[in-house]
Each structure stands twice: as structure tokens, then as C-alpha cells.
């Protein structure tokens, strides 16, 4: 059962550590810390991906800035309560982390596979330049009755296909994690720069139950 659940949410990211560890929370005496990893895109830009690491996996009192890592784990979400409403916070939960000498040009530096359920009507739209986009929200089961809610974005023919999906249908998605900056309006006078994380879908498939 547990092995099956782990298989439905698999992430590998490779890149450079660009922050020190910051404390996140503790569960049953085990401390968890956040660190940012910069992962190169094909287009010479970067995604800054937050990684959650147990203090039992790594010495979190040491700075690893500038070192290259390979992280295997899961993409997880939790609701953080702020400003009278909940905000979905996403990070890669590290199951294994290893230091590497270099990232090979041919390496798949950012890949994710999710097997979950459509939990919201797909949102289909076109950009001003006519590019088709569909937003999906995928619920991926975890042990002990928990689920992670993962926003996914599809393009082109994948967007057209995803637009026909119904809430409750099972879907498998392959893609990469991307970070995207946006401006959040706090009130009439104040805006704040924030970062959203989502899965950019390269392939997806509806599964028969």
C-alpha cells in the first residue's frame, strides 16, 4: 500500500543550492527545514524550487550554497492560513538528497510524474496570441487519508484534451515543476511580489479505474 502511494508522486530535481536552511516545522520530534534549489531550464532561465528536508537526512546547520544536489522525493502541498484565508504552499519533500560534481547536459534536471484525480473543473483559455492553455488541479493521495493538491498547466493540444476532463476522473501527468513570479494586490495601495509553483505538463493520460 505505502509503496503504491509513493509511486503516484515522484519528483527528481537537480540544481544549485541558493539559500541556507530555514526552519519549517516539527513532527514527532523530527525537524523539517526549507532550502531553495535553482534548476536550469532549457531556455537559459531558472526555476527556484523550494525543497523540504528532514534534519535526519542532512546537517541543516551547515551552509551548502553553491553546491550541486540531486533530490528525489514528492511534490507536496499544505494550506497555510494567512490574511483570513488559506494559501496553498507547495514544495518538494526530499526522500533522498545527494551532492553531485556536475549536472550533465543530457541530464533530466526537473521531472515529475503524478497519478491523481481531477478535483476542479478544468479552466481553458487562450492567450492574446492565440496559445491554448488549460489549468488543472490534481488531488494526489498520500498515506493516512491525506492528499496533495497540485496545480498543473497544459498547453496546445494537451490543453484541448484536458478541457474535456471531468471532476473525479483519474489522470496521470508527466512534466516539470516551474516557478512563476506574479504581483499580488494586497489593498488599494500595496502590491507584493509572490512566487507560484505549478507543474508544466508535457504529457497526460486519463486512466480507467
Protein backbone atom coordinates (compact mmCIF):
# COMPACT_ATOMS: atom_id res chain seq x y z
CA UNK A 1 0.00 0.00 0.00
CA UNK A 2 2.64 2.52 1.04
CA UNK A 3 4.89 1.66 -1.93
CA UNK A 4 1.94 2.14 -4.29
CA UNK A 5 1.22 5.55 -2.78
CA UNK A 6 4.84 6.67 -3.09
CA UNK A 7 4.79 5.69 -6.78
CA UNK A 8 1.91 8.06 -7.53
CA UNK A 9 4.01 11.15 -6.79
CA UNK A 10 7.64 11.09 -7.95
CA UNK A 11 9.95 14.06 -8.43
CA UNK A 12 13.62 14.42 -9.36
CA UNK A 13 15.29 17.82 -9.46
CA UNK A 14 18.97 18.66 -9.96
CA UNK A 15 20.49 22.06 -9.42
CA UNK A 16 22.40 24.50 -7.27
CA UNK A 17 21.59 25.28 -3.62
CA UNK A 18 20.93 29.05 -3.47
CA UNK A 19 19.80 29.56 0.16
CA UNK A 20 20.59 28.45 3.68
CA UNK A 21 18.15 26.24 5.57
CA UNK A 22 15.20 27.87 7.33
CA UNK A 23 13.13 26.08 9.96
CA UNK A 24 9.68 24.94 8.79
CA UNK A 25 8.06 22.68 11.40
CA UNK A 26 8.48 19.63 13.60
CA UNK A 27 6.59 16.33 13.61
CA UNK A 28 7.10 13.76 16.39
CA UNK A 29 10.42 15.33 17.34
CA UNK A 30 11.74 15.42 13.76
CA UNK A 31 12.57 18.90 12.46
CA UNK A 32 11.94 19.89 8.84
CA UNK A 33 13.76 22.71 7.07
CA UNK A 34 13.34 24.55 3.75
CA UNK A 35 16.10 25.24 1.23
CA UNK A 36 15.91 26.73 -2.30
CA UNK A 37 17.40 24.93 -5.30
CA UNK A 38 17.96 26.71 -8.62
CA UNK A 39 17.16 24.37 -11.52
CA UNK A 40 18.17 25.34 -15.05
CA UNK A 41 15.58 25.38 -17.83
CA UNK A 42 16.33 24.66 -21.47
CA UNK A 43 15.83 28.36 -22.24
CA UNK A 44 18.77 29.53 -20.08
CA UNK A 45 16.39 30.78 -17.38
CA UNK A 46 15.95 29.09 -13.99
CA UNK A 47 13.26 27.81 -11.66
CA UNK A 48 13.84 28.36 -7.95
CA UNK A 49 12.27 25.31 -6.29
CA UNK A 50 11.71 25.05 -2.51
CA UNK A 51 12.83 21.72 -1.04
CA UNK A 52 11.78 20.42 2.39
CA UNK A 53 14.50 18.39 4.10
CA UNK A 54 14.46 16.43 7.37
CA UNK A 55 17.25 17.20 9.84
CA UNK A 56 17.82 13.42 9.86
CA UNK A 57 18.71 13.49 6.16
CA UNK A 58 21.31 16.26 6.24
CA UNK A 59 23.16 18.53 8.69
CA UNK A 60 20.90 21.58 8.37
CA UNK A 61 23.23 23.80 10.43
CA UNK A 62 25.74 23.90 7.54
CA UNK A 63 25.56 26.21 4.51
CA UNK A 64 25.55 24.37 1.19
CA UNK A 65 25.12 27.47 -1.02
CA UNK A 66 26.77 26.95 -4.41
CA UNK A 67 26.82 23.15 -4.14
CA UNK A 68 25.03 20.94 -6.68
CA UNK A 69 22.42 18.46 -5.47
CA UNK A 70 20.14 15.76 -6.85
CA UNK A 71 16.86 15.49 -4.91
CA UNK A 72 14.39 12.61 -5.19
CA UNK A 73 11.05 12.94 -3.46
CA UNK A 74 7.45 14.06 -3.79
CA UNK A 75 5.68 17.33 -4.65
CA UNK A 76 3.57 18.19 -1.62
CA UNK A 77 1.09 20.86 -0.64
CA UNK A 78 -0.32 22.24 2.56
CA UNK A 79 -2.70 25.08 3.39
CA UNK A 80 -1.13 28.00 5.26
CA UNK A 81 -3.61 30.29 6.97
CA UNK A 82 -2.90 33.95 6.28
CA UNK A 83 -4.89 37.15 5.81
CA UNK A 84 -8.15 35.44 6.83
CA UNK A 85 -7.83 32.80 4.13
CA UNK A 86 -5.82 29.70 3.26
CA UNK A 87 -2.95 29.78 0.79
CA UNK A 88 -1.71 26.64 -0.95
CA UNK A 89 2.02 26.22 -0.28
CA UNK A 90 3.97 23.77 -2.46
CA UNK A 91 7.43 22.24 -2.03
CA UNK A 92 9.46 19.17 -2.95
CA UNK A 93 9.60 16.81 0.03
CA UNK A 94 13.06 15.21 -0.12
CA UNK A 95 13.27 11.45 0.41
CA UNK A 96 16.86 11.28 -0.83
CA UNK A 97 19.38 14.05 -1.40
CA UNK A 98 22.88 13.64 -2.76
CA UNK A 99 25.66 16.02 -3.70
CA UNK A 100 26.90 15.79 -7.28
CA UNK A 101 30.01 17.14 -9.05
CA UNK A 102 28.22 18.45 -12.10
CA UNK A 103 24.91 18.45 -13.93
CA UNK A 104 25.40 16.70 -17.28
CA UNK A 105 23.93 18.47 -20.31
CA UNK A 106 21.88 15.35 -21.07
CA UNK A 107 20.51 15.02 -17.51
CA UNK A 108 16.80 15.28 -16.89
CA UNK A 109 17.17 18.01 -14.25
CA UNK A 110 13.50 18.52 -13.49
CA UNK A 111 10.92 15.76 -13.89
CA UNK A 112 7.73 14.82 -12.15
CA UNK A 113 5.11 12.09 -12.53
CA UNK A 114 1.75 12.35 -10.74
CA UNK A 115 -1.14 9.89 -10.62
CA UNK A 116 -4.20 11.56 -9.13
CA UNK A 117 -7.76 12.78 -9.55
CA UNK A 118 -9.19 15.90 -11.17
CA UNK A 119 -10.68 17.83 -8.26
CA UNK A 120 -11.82 21.03 -10.00
CA UNK A 121 -13.34 21.81 -13.39
CA UNK A 122 -10.50 22.48 -15.89
CA UNK A 123 -10.09 26.15 -16.83
CA UNK A 124 -9.45 26.54 -20.56
CA UNK A 125 -8.44 29.82 -22.16
CA UNK A 126 -6.45 31.37 -24.98
CA UNK A 127 -3.67 33.94 -24.70
CA UNK A 128 -3.90 37.18 -26.75
CA UNK A 129 -1.57 35.48 -29.25
CA UNK A 130 -3.93 32.51 -29.56
CA UNK A 131 -1.97 29.99 -27.50
CA UNK A 132 -4.24 27.46 -25.79
CA UNK A 133 -3.87 26.89 -22.03
CA UNK A 134 -5.74 24.70 -19.54
CA UNK A 135 -5.33 24.76 -15.76
CA UNK A 136 -5.92 21.56 -13.81
CA UNK A 137 -5.95 20.89 -10.08
CA UNK A 138 -4.88 17.32 -9.31
CA UNK A 139 -5.51 15.61 -5.95
CA UNK A 140 -2.77 13.04 -5.30
CA UNK A 141 -3.37 10.61 -2.44
CA UNK A 142 -0.90 10.16 0.39
CA UNK A 143 -0.93 7.56 3.19
CA UNK A 144 -3.17 8.06 6.24
CA UNK A 145 -6.01 9.65 4.30
CA UNK A 146 -4.12 12.77 3.24
CA UNK A 147 -3.91 14.30 -0.24
CA UNK A 148 -1.72 16.83 -2.01
CA UNK A 149 -3.38 19.36 -4.31
CA UNK A 150 -1.12 20.14 -7.25
CA UNK A 151 -1.85 22.91 -9.81
CA UNK A 152 -0.92 21.83 -13.36
CA UNK A 153 -0.79 23.85 -16.58
CA UNK A 154 -1.26 22.34 -20.06
CA UNK A 155 -0.53 23.89 -23.45
CA UNK A 156 -1.71 23.40 -27.04
CA UNK A 157 -3.23 20.01 -27.83
CA UNK A 158 -2.72 18.91 -24.20
CA UNK A 159 -4.88 21.89 -23.17
CA UNK A 160 -7.62 20.90 -25.63
CA UNK A 161 -7.52 17.31 -24.33
CA UNK A 162 -7.54 18.39 -20.67
CA UNK A 163 -10.53 20.67 -21.25
CA UNK A 164 -12.73 17.58 -21.63
CA UNK A 165 -11.74 16.10 -18.23
CA UNK A 166 -14.43 15.71 -15.57
CA UNK A 167 -14.09 16.14 -11.81
CA UNK A 168 -13.30 12.78 -10.20
CA UNK A 169 -11.57 11.26 -13.24
CA UNK A 170 -8.16 9.67 -12.67
CA UNK A 171 -5.28 11.20 -14.59
CA UNK A 172 -1.54 10.58 -14.90
CA UNK A 173 0.65 13.59 -15.65
CA UNK A 174 4.30 13.87 -16.67
CA UNK A 175 6.12 17.19 -16.72
CA UNK A 176 8.34 19.56 -14.81
CA UNK A 177 7.97 21.88 -11.82
CA UNK A 178 8.13 25.55 -12.68
CA UNK A 179 8.20 28.73 -10.61
CA UNK A 180 6.39 31.84 -11.77
CA UNK A 181 6.53 35.33 -10.26
CA UNK A 182 3.37 37.43 -10.04
CA UNK A 183 2.17 40.60 -8.29
CA UNK A 184 -0.45 40.12 -5.57
CA UNK A 185 -2.64 43.14 -4.82
CA UNK A 186 -2.92 43.41 -1.03
CA UNK A 187 -5.08 46.55 -0.94
CA UNK A 188 -5.59 49.75 -2.93
CA UNK A 189 -2.03 50.95 -2.33
CA UNK A 190 0.09 47.84 -1.83
CA UNK A 191 1.19 45.02 -4.10
CA UNK A 192 3.56 42.21 -3.19
CA UNK A 193 5.76 40.08 -5.42
CA UNK A 194 5.00 36.40 -4.89
CA UNK A 195 6.04 33.13 -6.47
CA UNK A 196 3.62 30.43 -7.60
CA UNK A 197 4.62 26.84 -8.32
CA UNK A 198 2.91 24.52 -10.75
CA UNK A 199 3.55 21.51 -12.95
CA UNK A 200 4.13 22.33 -16.62
CA UNK A 201 2.60 19.29 -18.34
CA UNK A 202 4.42 17.58 -21.20
CA UNK A 203 2.16 14.50 -21.36
CA UNK A 204 -1.08 13.42 -19.71
CA UNK A 205 -3.40 10.48 -19.89
CA UNK A 206 -6.84 9.61 -18.46
CA UNK A 207 -6.86 6.27 -16.66
CA UNK A 208 -9.67 3.76 -16.46
CA UNK A 209 -10.47 2.90 -12.85
